[in-house]
Amino acid sequence: MSAVCHNINEFGNLWIEIGLENENYVMISIKDDGHGFNPEGYRNDMQTAGSLNKGIGLRYVEMSLLSFYGSDAKLNIKSEPEEGTVVTLLLPVRKGNEPYV
């Protein structure tokens, strides 16, 4: 949650929605009405030397998902400058016939 809340300002709002998607994924959607950003810029910043403090919270979430779920998990980011951000995690319920949890 720290990575999600890191950039919300003192007067911003945060909405969290949790549900099932196609009975195969747990969907967690986090939306804010903060400053927003360019999602493609975040990916470019993470690959550029000298920009170590940009996008590191989302990069940590992305690497954690990859480490635990492999390519079965999905991270979707929708954001526009000055319009807020929606981050959606799709976590697989099962790996083959076995539950993850």
Foldseek 3Di string as FASTA:
>chain_A
DCLLCVPADPPKDKDWDWDDDPVFWIKIKIKIQDQWDDVVVQVVLVVDPPSVPGNPSVVVVVVVCCVLPNPPKDWDWDTDGNGIIMIMITHGQADVPHGSD
